[in-house]
C-alpha atoms as a PDB file:
ATOM      1  CA  MET A   1      11.996  23.004 -13.516  1.00  0.00           C
ATOM      2  CA  PHE A   2       8.377  21.142 -14.120  1.00  0.00           C
ATOM      3  CA  ASP A   3       9.647  17.969 -13.889  1.00  0.00           C
ATOM      4  CA  GLU A   4      11.053  18.502 -10.372  1.00  0.00           C
ATOM      5  CA  ILE A   5       7.524  20.303  -9.229  1.00  0.00           C
ATOM      6  CA  VAL A   6       6.085  17.343 -10.290  1.00  0.00           C
ATOM      7  CA  LYS A   7       8.357  14.606  -8.412  1.00  0.00           C
ATOM      8  CA  ALA A   8       8.224  16.621  -5.356  1.00  0.00           C
ATOM      9  CA  GLY A   9       4.564  16.610  -5.578  1.00  0.00           C
ATOM     10  CA  ARG A  10       4.338  12.813  -5.979  1.00  0.00           C
ATOM     11  CA  TYR A  11       7.041  12.391  -3.197  1.00  0.00           C
ATOM     12  CA  LEU A  12       4.744  14.506  -0.819  1.00  0.00           C
ATOM     13  CA  GLY A  13       1.622  12.381  -1.869  1.00  0.00           C
ATOM     14  CA  GLN A  14       3.428   9.505  -1.195  1.00  0.00           C
ATOM     15  CA  SER A  15       4.616  10.631   2.109  1.00  0.00           C
ATOM     16  CA  MET A  16       1.041  12.028   3.190  1.00  0.00           C
ATOM     17  CA  ARG A  17      -0.455   8.649   2.458  1.00  0.00           C
ATOM     18  CA  LEU A  18       2.240   6.827   4.403  1.00  0.00           C
ATOM     19  CA  MET A  19       1.413   9.092   7.252  1.00  0.00           C
ATOM     20  CA  VAL A  20      -2.077   8.057   7.277  1.00  0.00           C
ATOM     21  CA  GLY A  21      -1.486   4.301   6.604  1.00  0.00           C
ATOM     22  CA  LEU A  22      -2.911   4.205   3.169  1.00  0.00           C
ATOM     23  CA  PRO A  23      -1.121   1.207   1.311  1.00  0.00           C
ATOM     24  CA  GLU A  24       0.698   1.670  -1.987  1.00  0.00           C
ATOM     25  CA  TYR A  25      -1.172  -0.425  -4.417  1.00  0.00           C
ATOM     26  CA  ASP A  26       0.695   0.764  -7.307  1.00  0.00           C
ATOM     27  CA  THR A  27       4.031   0.092  -5.806  1.00  0.00           C
ATOM     28  CA  TYR A  28       3.055  -3.223  -4.865  1.00  0.00           C
ATOM     29  CA  LEU A  29       2.104  -4.241  -8.377  1.00  0.00           C
ATOM     30  CA  ALA A  30       5.350  -2.629  -9.604  1.00  0.00           C
ATOM     31  CA  HIS A  31       7.464  -4.981  -7.117  1.00  0.00           C
ATOM     32  CA  ARG A  32       5.289  -8.013  -8.305  1.00  0.00           C
ATOM     33  CA  ASP A  33       5.991  -7.330 -11.903  1.00  0.00           C
ATOM     34  CA  THR A  34       9.933  -7.000 -11.177  1.00  0.00           C
ATOM     35  CA  THR A  35      10.460  -9.632  -8.377  1.00  0.00           C
ATOM     36  CA  HIS A  36       7.505 -12.269  -9.402  1.00  0.00           C
ATOM     37  CA  PRO A  37       6.984 -12.043 -13.021  1.00  0.00           C
ATOM     38  CA  GLY A  38       4.060 -14.314 -14.362  1.00  0.00           C
ATOM     39  CA  GLU A  39       2.868 -14.766 -10.615  1.00  0.00           C
ATOM     40  CA  PRO A  40      -0.699 -13.657  -9.777  1.00  0.00           C
ATOM     41  CA  SER A  41      -1.168 -10.527  -7.742  1.00  0.00           C
ATOM     42  CA  MET A  42      -3.962  -9.640  -5.315  1.00  0.00           C
ATOM     43  CA  SER A  43      -6.695  -7.625  -6.081  1.00  0.00           C
ATOM     44  CA  TYR A  44      -6.906  -3.766  -5.119  1.00  0.00           C
ATOM     45  CA  GLU A  45      -9.475  -5.312  -2.490  1.00  0.00           C
ATOM     46  CA  GLU A  46      -7.428  -8.179  -1.223  1.00  0.00           C
ATOM     47  CA  PHE A  47      -4.315  -6.173  -0.878  1.00  0.00           C
ATOM     48  CA  PHE A  48      -6.274  -3.452   0.936  1.00  0.00           C
ATOM     49  CA  ARG A  49      -7.418  -6.033   3.439  1.00  0.00           C
ATOM     50  CA  GLU A  50      -4.236  -7.857   3.788  1.00  0.00           C
ATOM     51  CA  ARG A  51      -2.528  -4.417   4.873  1.00  0.00           C
ATOM     52  CA  GLN A  52      -5.145  -3.640   7.162  1.00  0.00           C
ATOM     53  CA  GLU A  53      -4.916  -6.794   8.748  1.00  0.00           C
ATOM     54  CA  ALA A  54      -1.020  -6.519   9.123  1.00  0.00           C
ATOM     55  CA  ARG A  55      -1.503  -3.123  10.740  1.00  0.00           C
ATOM     56  CA  TYR A  56      -4.269  -3.575  12.897  1.00  0.00           C
ATOM     57  CA  GLY A  57      -4.540  -7.434  13.376  1.00  0.00           C
ATOM     58  CA  GLY A  58      -6.922  -9.535  12.199  1.00  0.00           C
ATOM     59  CA  ALA A  59     -10.343 -10.669  13.788  1.00  0.00           C
ATOM     60  CA  GLY A  60      -9.749 -11.714  17.440  1.00  0.00           C
ATOM     61  CA  LYS A  61      -6.721 -10.097  17.953  1.00  0.00           C
ATOM     62  CA  ARG A  62      -8.009  -6.898  19.674  1.00  0.00           C
ATOM     63  CA  GLY A  63      -8.989  -8.787  23.032  1.00  0.00           C
ATOM     64  CA  GLY A  64     -12.505  -9.095  22.103  1.00  0.00           C
ATOM     65  CA  CYS A  65     -13.209  -5.098  21.775  1.00  0.00           C
ATOM     66  CA  CYS A  66     -14.633  -4.734  18.265  1.00  0.00           C
END
């Protein structure tokens, strides 16, 4: 039963992060290790920046507002 509670907590935490748009760096690293072994991965800072640009657009894509 304890394992089920831990699993539910992880699922809830992942769901909350996805709702507010926080990227899953650990999931990205697991994917890279599985599908692209031996290739370099982005640092957390690079990953976070890339995810923000993918979600909100890079500089100049907002019509000059910000």
